[in-house]
Amino acid sequence: MVIVWLVIIVVLNILGKWQANRYLQRNAVIKARLVATIVVVLQCLCVYLFMRTLIPYIVEFLNIFYHH
């Protein structure tokens, strides 16, 4: 699931940049800003979910050092 979140974040970034550049070429600055804002909010949500799925693996890895 961690890899899925990484792929979603990268694809969202590419699509958002492509769409914002399309609007900027058409001189639709407000639409480009709106797209960029929505993409940033969605990326923050995806990063939160990515970290939420990654933390159990990090905790399990760190527990290796504390077991004797």
PDB file of N, CA and C in Angstrom:
ATOM      1  N   MET A   1       0.820  -1.195   0.000  1.00  0.00           N
ATOM      2  CA  MET A   1       0.000   0.000   0.000  1.00  0.00           C
ATOM      3  C   MET A   1       0.864   1.258   0.000  1.00  0.00           C
ATOM      4  N   VAL A   2       2.051   1.148   0.564  1.00  0.00           N
ATOM      5  CA  VAL A   2       2.953   2.297   0.606  1.00  0.00           C
ATOM      6  C   VAL A   2       3.326   2.717  -0.811  1.00  0.00           C
ATOM      7  N   ILE A   3       3.612   1.739  -1.649  1.00  0.00           N
ATOM      8  CA  ILE A   3       3.996   2.042  -3.032  1.00  0.00           C
ATOM      9  C   ILE A   3       2.820   2.645  -3.794  1.00  0.00           C
ATOM     10  N   VAL A   4       1.623   2.188  -3.500  1.00  0.00           N
ATOM     11  CA  VAL A   4       0.435   2.733  -4.158  1.00  0.00           C
ATOM     12  C   VAL A   4       0.289   4.214  -3.837  1.00  0.00           C
ATOM     13  N   TRP A   5       0.487   4.591  -2.571  1.00  0.00           N
ATOM     14  CA  TRP A   5       0.388   6.006  -2.201  1.00  0.00           C
ATOM     15  C   TRP A   5       1.464   6.835  -2.883  1.00  0.00           C
ATOM     16  N   LEU A   6       2.669   6.287  -2.998  1.00  0.00           N
ATOM     17  CA  LEU A   6       3.734   7.013  -3.701  1.00  0.00           C
ATOM     18  C   LEU A   6       3.376   7.236  -5.166  1.00  0.00           C
ATOM     19  N   VAL A   7       2.838   6.221  -5.806  1.00  0.00           N
ATOM     20  CA  VAL A   7       2.446   6.348  -7.210  1.00  0.00           C
ATOM     21  C   VAL A   7       1.324   7.367  -7.360  1.00  0.00           C
ATOM     22  N   ILE A   8       0.355   7.332  -6.458  1.00  0.00           N
ATOM     23  CA  ILE A   8      -0.751   8.293  -6.510  1.00  0.00           C
ATOM     24  C   ILE A   8      -0.234   9.715  -6.340  1.00  0.00           C
ATOM     25  N   ILE A   9       0.694   9.933  -5.427  1.00  0.00           N
ATOM     26  CA  ILE A   9       1.249  11.268  -5.206  1.00  0.00           C
ATOM     27  C   ILE A   9       1.973  11.759  -6.457  1.00  0.00           C
ATOM     28  N   VAL A  10       2.773  10.899  -7.069  1.00  0.00           N
ATOM     29  CA  VAL A  10       3.520  11.301  -8.269  1.00  0.00           C
ATOM     30  C   VAL A  10       2.572  11.585  -9.432  1.00  0.00           C
ATOM     31  N   VAL A  11       1.590  10.720  -9.643  1.00  0.00           N
ATOM     32  CA  VAL A  11       0.636  10.923 -10.739  1.00  0.00           C
ATOM     33  C   VAL A  11      -0.179  12.191 -10.515  1.00  0.00           C
ATOM     34  N   LEU A  12      -0.596  12.427  -9.293  1.00  0.00           N
ATOM     35  CA  LEU A  12      -1.346  13.637  -8.977  1.00  0.00           C
ATOM     36  C   LEU A  12      -0.512  14.881  -9.245  1.00  0.00           C
ATOM     37  N   ASN A  13       0.758  14.830  -8.905  1.00  0.00           N
ATOM     38  CA  ASN A  13       1.653  15.949  -9.156  1.00  0.00           C
ATOM     39  C   ASN A  13       1.804  16.213 -10.653  1.00  0.00           C
ATOM     40  N   ILE A  14       2.005  15.160 -11.436  1.00  0.00           N
ATOM     41  CA  ILE A  14       2.178  15.314 -12.884  1.00  0.00           C
ATOM     42  C   ILE A  14       0.905  15.857 -13.532  1.00  0.00           C
ATOM     43  N   LEU A  15      -0.244  15.292 -13.164  1.00  0.00           N
ATOM     44  CA  LEU A  15      -1.506  15.759 -13.745  1.00  0.00           C
ATOM     45  C   LEU A  15      -1.825  17.199 -13.353  1.00  0.00           C
ATOM     46  N   GLY A  16      -1.555  17.549 -12.113  1.00  0.00           N
ATOM     47  CA  GLY A  16      -1.802  18.917 -11.666  1.00  0.00           C
ATOM     48  C   GLY A  16      -0.927  19.925 -12.378  1.00  0.00           C
ATOM     49  N   LYS A  17       0.336  19.589 -12.552  1.00  0.00           N
ATOM     50  CA  LYS A  17       1.249  20.488 -13.259  1.00  0.00           C
ATOM     51  C   LYS A  17       0.845  20.632 -14.719  1.00  0.00           C
ATOM     52  N   TRP A  18       0.470  19.528 -15.345  1.00  0.00           N
ATOM     53  CA  TRP A  18       0.048  19.563 -16.742  1.00  0.00           C
ATOM     54  C   TRP A  18      -1.204  20.431 -16.913  1.00  0.00           C
ATOM     55  N   GLN A  19      -2.185  20.247 -16.021  1.00  0.00           N
ATOM     56  CA  GLN A  19      -3.430  21.008 -16.116  1.00  0.00           C
ATOM     57  C   GLN A  19      -3.187  22.491 -15.831  1.00  0.00           C
ATOM     58  N   ALA A  20      -2.376  22.806 -14.850  1.00  0.00           N
ATOM     59  CA  ALA A  20      -2.089  24.206 -14.535  1.00  0.00           C
ATOM     60  C   ALA A  20      -1.351  24.876 -15.690  1.00  0.00           C
ATOM     61  N   ASN A  21      -0.402  24.184 -16.301  1.00  0.00           N
ATOM     62  CA  ASN A  21       0.303  24.755 -17.452  1.00  0.00           C
ATOM     63  C   ASN A  21      -0.633  24.973 -18.635  1.00  0.00           C
ATOM     64  N   ARG A  22      -1.586  24.073 -18.823  1.00  0.00           N
ATOM     65  CA  ARG A  22      -2.582  24.262 -19.893  1.00  0.00           C
ATOM     66  C   ARG A  22      -3.391  25.528 -19.670  1.00  0.00           C
ATOM     67  N   TYR A  23      -3.818  25.746 -18.431  1.00  0.00           N
ATOM     68  CA  TYR A  23      -4.587  26.954 -18.133  1.00  0.00           C
ATOM     69  C   TYR A  23      -3.727  28.207 -18.255  1.00  0.00           C
ATOM     70  N   LEU A  24      -2.457  28.120 -17.879  1.00  0.00           N
ATOM     71  CA  LEU A  24      -1.581  29.283 -17.999  1.00  0.00           C
ATOM     72  C   LEU A  24      -1.326  29.640 -19.458  1.00  0.00           C
ATOM     73  N   GLN A  25      -1.248  28.659 -20.335  1.00  0.00           N
ATOM     74  CA  GLN A  25      -1.076  28.946 -21.760  1.00  0.00           C
ATOM     75  C   GLN A  25      -2.304  29.622 -22.349  1.00  0.00           C
ATOM     76  N   ARG A  26      -3.456  29.375 -21.763  1.00  0.00           N
ATOM     77  CA  ARG A  26      -4.702  30.009 -22.214  1.00  0.00           C
ATOM     78  C   ARG A  26      -4.967  31.323 -21.477  1.00  0.00           C
ATOM     79  N   ASN A  27      -4.027  31.764 -20.663  1.00  0.00           N
ATOM     80  CA  ASN A  27      -4.151  32.989 -19.860  1.00  0.00           C
ATOM     81  C   ASN A  27      -5.319  32.926 -18.885  1.00  0.00           C
ATOM     82  N   ALA A  28      -5.590  31.764 -18.356  1.00  0.00           N
ATOM     83  CA  ALA A  28      -6.622  31.582 -17.337  1.00  0.00           C
ATOM     84  C   ALA A  28      -5.918  31.383 -15.997  1.00  0.00           C
ATOM     85  N   VAL A  29      -5.421  32.492 -15.447  1.00  0.00           N
ATOM     86  CA  VAL A  29      -4.595  32.435 -14.244  1.00  0.00           C
ATOM     87  C   VAL A  29      -5.399  31.970 -13.034  1.00  0.00           C
ATOM     88  N   ILE A  30      -6.632  32.419 -12.926  1.00  0.00           N
ATOM     89  CA  ILE A  30      -7.445  32.049 -11.763  1.00  0.00           C
ATOM     90  C   ILE A  30      -7.719  30.545 -11.762  1.00  0.00           C
ATOM     91  N   LYS A  31      -8.016  29.985 -12.931  1.00  0.00           N
ATOM     92  CA  LYS A  31      -8.243  28.539 -13.011  1.00  0.00           C
ATOM     93  C   LYS A  31      -6.963  27.771 -12.700  1.00  0.00           C
ATOM     94  N   ALA A  32      -5.826  28.287 -13.151  1.00  0.00           N
ATOM     95  CA  ALA A  32      -4.547  27.624 -12.865  1.00  0.00           C
ATOM     96  C   ALA A  32      -4.265  27.637 -11.368  1.00  0.00           C
ATOM     97  N   ARG A  33      -4.539  28.753 -10.713  1.00  0.00           N
ATOM     98  CA  ARG A  33      -4.346  28.828  -9.260  1.00  0.00           C
ATOM     99  C   ARG A  33      -5.299  27.893  -8.532  1.00  0.00           C
ATOM    100  N   LEU A  34      -6.525  27.806  -9.008  1.00  0.00           N
ATOM    101  CA  LEU A  34      -7.506  26.914  -8.389  1.00  0.00           C
ATOM    102  C   LEU A  34      -7.068  25.453  -8.521  1.00  0.00           C
ATOM    103  N   VAL A  35      -6.595  25.083  -9.698  1.00  0.00           N
ATOM    104  CA  VAL A  35      -6.100  23.718  -9.908  1.00  0.00           C
ATOM    105  C   VAL A  35      -4.913  23.445  -8.994  1.00  0.00           C
ATOM    106  N   ALA A  36      -3.983  24.397  -8.913  1.00  0.00           N
ATOM    107  CA  ALA A  36      -2.802  24.211  -8.064  1.00  0.00           C
ATOM    108  C   ALA A  36      -3.202  24.072  -6.597  1.00  0.00           C
ATOM    109  N   THR A  37      -4.161  24.856  -6.152  1.00  0.00           N
ATOM    110  CA  THR A  37      -4.616  24.783  -4.760  1.00  0.00           C
ATOM    111  C   THR A  37      -5.261  23.432  -4.462  1.00  0.00           C
ATOM    112  N   ILE A  38      -6.111  22.977  -5.358  1.00  0.00           N
ATOM    113  CA  ILE A  38      -6.776  21.685  -5.163  1.00  0.00           C
ATOM    114  C   ILE A  38      -5.760  20.552  -5.154  1.00  0.00           C
ATOM    115  N   VAL A  39      -4.778  20.616  -6.050  1.00  0.00           N
ATOM    116  CA  VAL A  39      -3.756  19.570  -6.115  1.00  0.00           C
ATOM    117  C   VAL A  39      -2.928  19.551  -4.837  1.00  0.00           C
ATOM    118  N   VAL A  40      -2.586  20.718  -4.309  1.00  0.00           N
ATOM    119  CA  VAL A  40      -1.798  20.774  -3.072  1.00  0.00           C
ATOM    120  C   VAL A  40      -2.582  20.186  -1.905  1.00  0.00           C
ATOM    121  N   VAL A  41      -3.858  20.495  -1.807  1.00  0.00           N
ATOM    122  CA  VAL A  41      -4.683  19.942  -0.729  1.00  0.00           C
ATOM    123  C   VAL A  41      -4.782  18.421  -0.862  1.00  0.00           C
ATOM    124  N   LEU A  42      -4.999  17.937  -2.076  1.00  0.00           N
ATOM    125  CA  LEU A  42      -5.068  16.486  -2.284  1.00  0.00           C
ATOM    126  C   LEU A  42      -3.731  15.813  -2.006  1.00  0.00           C
ATOM    127  N   GLN A  43      -2.633  16.479  -2.351  1.00  0.00           N
ATOM    128  CA  GLN A  43      -1.320  15.910  -2.062  1.00  0.00           C
ATOM    129  C   GLN A  43      -1.057  15.860  -0.561  1.00  0.00           C
ATOM    130  N   CYS A  44      -1.490  16.871   0.168  1.00  0.00           N
ATOM    131  CA  CYS A  44      -1.335  16.834   1.632  1.00  0.00           C
ATOM    132  C   CYS A  44      -2.105  15.653   2.220  1.00  0.00           C
ATOM    133  N   LEU A  45      -3.302  15.424   1.726  1.00  0.00           N
ATOM    134  CA  LEU A  45      -4.091  14.286   2.187  1.00  0.00           C
ATOM    135  C   LEU A  45      -3.400  12.966   1.840  1.00  0.00           C
ATOM    136  N   CYS A  46      -2.867  12.868   0.629  1.00  0.00           N
ATOM    137  CA  CYS A  46      -2.178  11.641   0.217  1.00  0.00           C
ATOM    138  C   CYS A  46      -0.902  11.414   1.020  1.00  0.00           C
ATOM    139  N   VAL A  47      -0.175  12.474   1.322  1.00  0.00           N
ATOM    140  CA  VAL A  47       1.040  12.333   2.132  1.00  0.00           C
ATOM    141  C   VAL A  47       0.679  11.889   3.546  1.00  0.00           C
ATOM    142  N   TYR A  48      -0.407  12.422   4.094  1.00  0.00           N
ATOM    143  CA  TYR A  48      -0.865  11.984   5.413  1.00  0.00           C
ATOM    144  C   TYR A  48      -1.189  10.488   5.400  1.00  0.00           C
ATOM    145  N   LEU A  49      -1.927  10.047   4.391  1.00  0.00           N
ATOM    146  CA  LEU A  49      -2.281   8.631   4.299  1.00  0.00           C
ATOM    147  C   LEU A  49      -1.049   7.769   4.039  1.00  0.00           C
ATOM    148  N   PHE A  50      -0.103   8.291   3.267  1.00  0.00           N
ATOM    149  CA  PHE A  50       1.155   7.582   3.026  1.00  0.00           C
ATOM    150  C   PHE A  50       1.914   7.387   4.331  1.00  0.00           C
ATOM    151  N   MET A  51       2.030   8.436   5.121  1.00  0.00           N
ATOM    152  CA  MET A  51       2.739   8.335   6.397  1.00  0.00           C
ATOM    153  C   MET A  51       1.999   7.412   7.358  1.00  0.00           C
ATOM    154  N   ARG A  52       0.678   7.440   7.298  1.00  0.00           N
ATOM    155  CA  ARG A  52      -0.115   6.577   8.167  1.00  0.00           C
ATOM    156  C   ARG A  52       0.125   5.100   7.857  1.00  0.00           C
ATOM    157  N   THR A  53       0.330   4.773   6.593  1.00  0.00           N
ATOM    158  CA  THR A  53       0.611   3.381   6.249  1.00  0.00           C
ATOM    159  C   THR A  53       2.080   3.029   6.450  1.00  0.00           C
ATOM    160  N   LEU A  54       2.950   4.028   6.455  1.00  0.00           N
ATOM    161  CA  LEU A  54       4.385   3.775   6.585  1.00  0.00           C
ATOM    162  C   LEU A  54       4.822   3.626   8.041  1.00  0.00           C
ATOM    163  N   ILE A  55       4.162   4.297   8.964  1.00  0.00           N
ATOM    164  CA  ILE A  55       4.568   4.314  10.374  1.00  0.00           C
ATOM    165  C   ILE A  55       4.637   2.912  10.986  1.00  0.00           C
ATOM    166  N   PRO A  56       3.685   2.011  10.762  1.00  0.00           N
ATOM    167  CA  PRO A  56       3.828   0.668  11.362  1.00  0.00           C
ATOM    168  C   PRO A  56       5.106  -0.051  10.936  1.00  0.00           C
ATOM    169  N   TYR A  57       5.518   0.119   9.696  1.00  0.00           N
ATOM    170  CA  TYR A  57       6.763  -0.503   9.240  1.00  0.00           C
ATOM    171  C   TYR A  57       7.975   0.125   9.916  1.00  0.00           C
ATOM    172  N   ILE A  58       7.941   1.428  10.110  1.00  0.00           N
ATOM    173  CA  ILE A  58       9.053   2.112  10.789  1.00  0.00           C
ATOM    174  C   ILE A  58       9.135   1.664  12.242  1.00  0.00           C
ATOM    175  N   VAL A  59       7.994   1.576  12.910  1.00  0.00           N
ATOM    176  CA  VAL A  59       7.975   1.136  14.307  1.00  0.00           C
ATOM    177  C   VAL A  59       8.473  -0.296  14.420  1.00  0.00           C
ATOM    178  N   GLU A  60       8.051  -1.151  13.522  1.00  0.00           N
ATOM    179  CA  GLU A  60       8.514  -2.539  13.538  1.00  0.00           C
ATOM    180  C   GLU A  60      10.021  -2.612  13.305  1.00  0.00           C
ATOM    181  N   PHE A  61      10.532  -1.802  12.405  1.00  0.00           N
ATOM    182  CA  PHE A  61      11.971  -1.777  12.146  1.00  0.00           C
ATOM    183  C   PHE A  61      12.742  -1.275  13.360  1.00  0.00           C
ATOM    184  N   LEU A  62      12.229  -0.245  14.022  1.00  0.00           N
ATOM    185  CA  LEU A  62      12.918   0.295  15.192  1.00  0.00           C
ATOM    186  C   LEU A  62      12.845  -0.647  16.385  1.00  0.00           C
ATOM    187  N   ASN A  63      11.820  -1.477  16.458  1.00  0.00           N
ATOM    188  CA  ASN A  63      11.724  -2.444  17.552  1.00  0.00           C
ATOM    189  C   ASN A  63      12.805  -3.508  17.469  1.00  0.00           C
ATOM    190  N   ILE A  64      13.375  -3.702  16.318  1.00  0.00           N
ATOM    191  CA  ILE A  64      14.472  -4.670  16.166  1.00  0.00           C
ATOM    192  C   ILE A  64      15.638  -4.299  17.065  1.00  0.00           C
ATOM    193  N   PHE A  65      15.896  -3.019  17.217  1.00  0.00           N
ATOM    194  CA  PHE A  65      17.048  -2.563  17.989  1.00  0.00           C
ATOM    195  C   PHE A  65      16.832  -2.654  19.501  1.00  0.00           C
ATOM    196  N   TYR A  66      15.574  -2.750  19.946  1.00  0.00           N
ATOM    197  CA  TYR A  66      15.303  -2.744  21.380  1.00  0.00           C
ATOM    198  C   TYR A  66      15.073  -4.124  21.962  1.00  0.00           C
ATOM    199  N   HIS A  67      14.956  -5.147  21.148  1.00  0.00           N
ATOM    200  CA  HIS A  67      14.784  -6.503  21.658  1.00  0.00           C
ATOM    201  C   HIS A  67      16.145  -7.144  21.866  1.00  0.00           C
ATOM    202  N   HIS A  68      16.342  -7.711  23.043  1.00  0.00           N
ATOM    203  CA  HIS A  68      17.640  -8.337  23.348  1.00  0.00           C
ATOM    204  C   HIS A  68      17.544  -9.826  23.234  1.00  0.00           C
TER     205      HIS A  68
END
